[in-house]
Protein backbone atom coordinates (compact mmCIF):
# COMPACT_ATOMS: atom_id res chain seq x y z
CA MET A 1 70.18 40.03 118.95
CA GLU A 2 70.46 36.85 116.91
CA GLU A 3 72.12 36.81 113.55
CA GLU A 4 70.16 35.16 110.78
CA SER A 5 71.84 32.08 109.45
CA ASN A 6 71.16 30.31 106.23
CA THR A 7 71.84 26.85 107.69
CA PHE A 8 69.31 24.41 109.07
CA TYR A 9 69.37 20.96 110.54
CA SER A 10 67.50 17.84 109.43
CA LYS A 11 66.28 15.00 111.66
CA GLY A 12 69.63 13.23 111.42
CA SER A 13 71.26 16.47 112.63
CA LYS A 14 73.18 16.87 109.40
CA LYS A 15 73.93 20.43 108.58
CA PHE A 16 72.56 21.80 105.29
CA LYS A 17 73.07 25.17 103.74
CA GLN A 18 69.94 26.86 102.51
CA LYS A 19 69.98 28.23 98.98
CA VAL A 20 70.13 31.99 98.69
CA TYR A 21 68.29 33.13 95.58
CA SER A 22 69.19 36.27 93.70
CA LYS A 23 66.58 38.74 92.62
CA LYS A 24 65.06 37.76 89.27
CA THR A 25 65.42 40.21 86.43
CA LYS A 26 63.92 40.27 82.97
CA LYS A 27 66.42 38.74 80.53
CA LEU A 28 66.42 37.07 77.16
CA ASN A 29 64.77 33.64 77.04
CA MET A 30 67.71 31.41 76.15
CA GLY A 31 65.42 28.60 74.97
CA ARG A 32 64.23 30.77 72.09
CA VAL A 33 67.52 32.40 71.09
CA SER A 34 67.43 31.28 67.47
CA ASP A 35 63.92 32.72 67.02
CA PHE A 36 65.05 35.97 68.64
CA LYS A 37 68.07 36.25 66.36
CA TRP A 38 65.93 35.59 63.28
CA ASP A 39 63.35 38.23 64.24
CA LEU A 40 66.09 40.71 65.15
CA ASN A 41 67.73 40.17 61.74
CA GLN A 42 64.38 40.80 60.03
CA VAL A 43 64.20 44.20 61.75
CA LEU A 44 67.87 45.04 61.21
CA ASN A 45 67.72 44.23 57.48
CA ARG A 46 66.32 47.74 57.00
CA LEU A 47 69.68 49.17 58.15
CA PRO A 48 73.01 49.12 56.30
CA GLU A 49 75.16 46.14 57.32
CA GLU A 50 77.81 48.19 59.17
CA LYS A 51 75.12 49.87 61.34
CA ALA A 52 73.30 46.59 61.94
CA GLY A 53 76.52 45.04 63.21
CA LEU A 54 76.90 47.84 65.76
CA ILE A 55 73.48 46.97 67.16
CA ARG A 56 73.18 43.17 66.86
CA GLY A 57 76.10 41.92 68.99
CA PRO A 58 76.00 44.31 71.94
CA LEU A 59 72.20 44.14 72.11
CA TYR A 60 72.23 40.33 72.28
CA ALA A 61 74.95 40.36 74.97
CA LYS A 62 73.19 42.94 77.13
CA ALA A 63 69.77 41.29 76.80
CA SER A 64 71.01 37.80 77.63
CA LYS A 65 73.54 38.55 80.38
CA ILE A 66 72.70 41.87 82.04
CA GLY A 67 69.01 42.37 81.47
CA PHE A 68 66.17 43.89 79.50
CA GLU A 69 66.46 47.37 81.04
CA GLU A 70 70.14 47.67 80.11
CA ALA A 71 69.36 46.62 76.53
CA LYS A 72 66.62 49.24 76.44
CA LYS A 73 69.07 51.93 77.59
CA PHE A 74 71.53 50.79 74.92
CA LEU A 75 68.87 51.18 72.24
CA LYS A 76 67.96 54.64 73.53
CA ASP A 77 71.63 55.69 73.40
CA LYS A 78 71.97 54.45 69.81
CA GLU A 79 68.80 56.30 68.88
CA ASP A 80 70.18 59.50 70.44
CA GLU A 81 73.46 59.03 68.52
CA GLY A 82 71.49 58.81 65.28
CA ILE A 83 72.53 55.28 64.35
CA ILE A 84 68.93 54.02 64.31
CA ASP A 85 65.65 55.86 63.99
CA LYS A 86 62.72 55.71 66.38
CA GLU A 87 60.65 53.29 64.29
CA ILE A 88 63.40 50.67 64.15
CA ALA A 89 64.12 51.13 67.87
CA LEU A 90 60.45 50.45 68.68
CA ASP A 91 60.44 47.35 66.49
CA ILE A 92 63.57 46.05 68.24
CA LEU A 93 61.96 46.72 71.64
CA ARG A 94 58.90 44.71 70.57
CA VAL A 95 61.14 41.78 69.59
CA LEU A 96 63.06 42.07 72.88
CA SER A 97 59.94 42.08 75.02
CA LYS A 98 58.48 39.16 73.05
CA TYR A 99 61.51 36.95 73.77
CA SER A 100 62.20 38.01 77.37
CA LYS A 101 61.35 36.35 80.66
CA PHE A 102 62.23 36.68 84.32
CA ARG A 103 65.19 34.54 85.30
């Protein structure tokens, strides 16, 4: 049984290491962050400022670093806690999906 190696050799017999790619997940498109923040603020303006602050920061961090699914779970938890209502949660999900891509 041969073990799979991620090295290969070129014509000059120099050893190269092959890139190992991680699985792509849906995350926030970092090229359009300012547009995302503006649209998110438009939705969160319907909430009081102290509640909007509880949503804005953690949502941005989860969407940009961890992924879209984790941000969706966070929104669902906040909806269950009663911090936001269903209509606002759906609007935030629309904004999230609009500014997300696989990376």
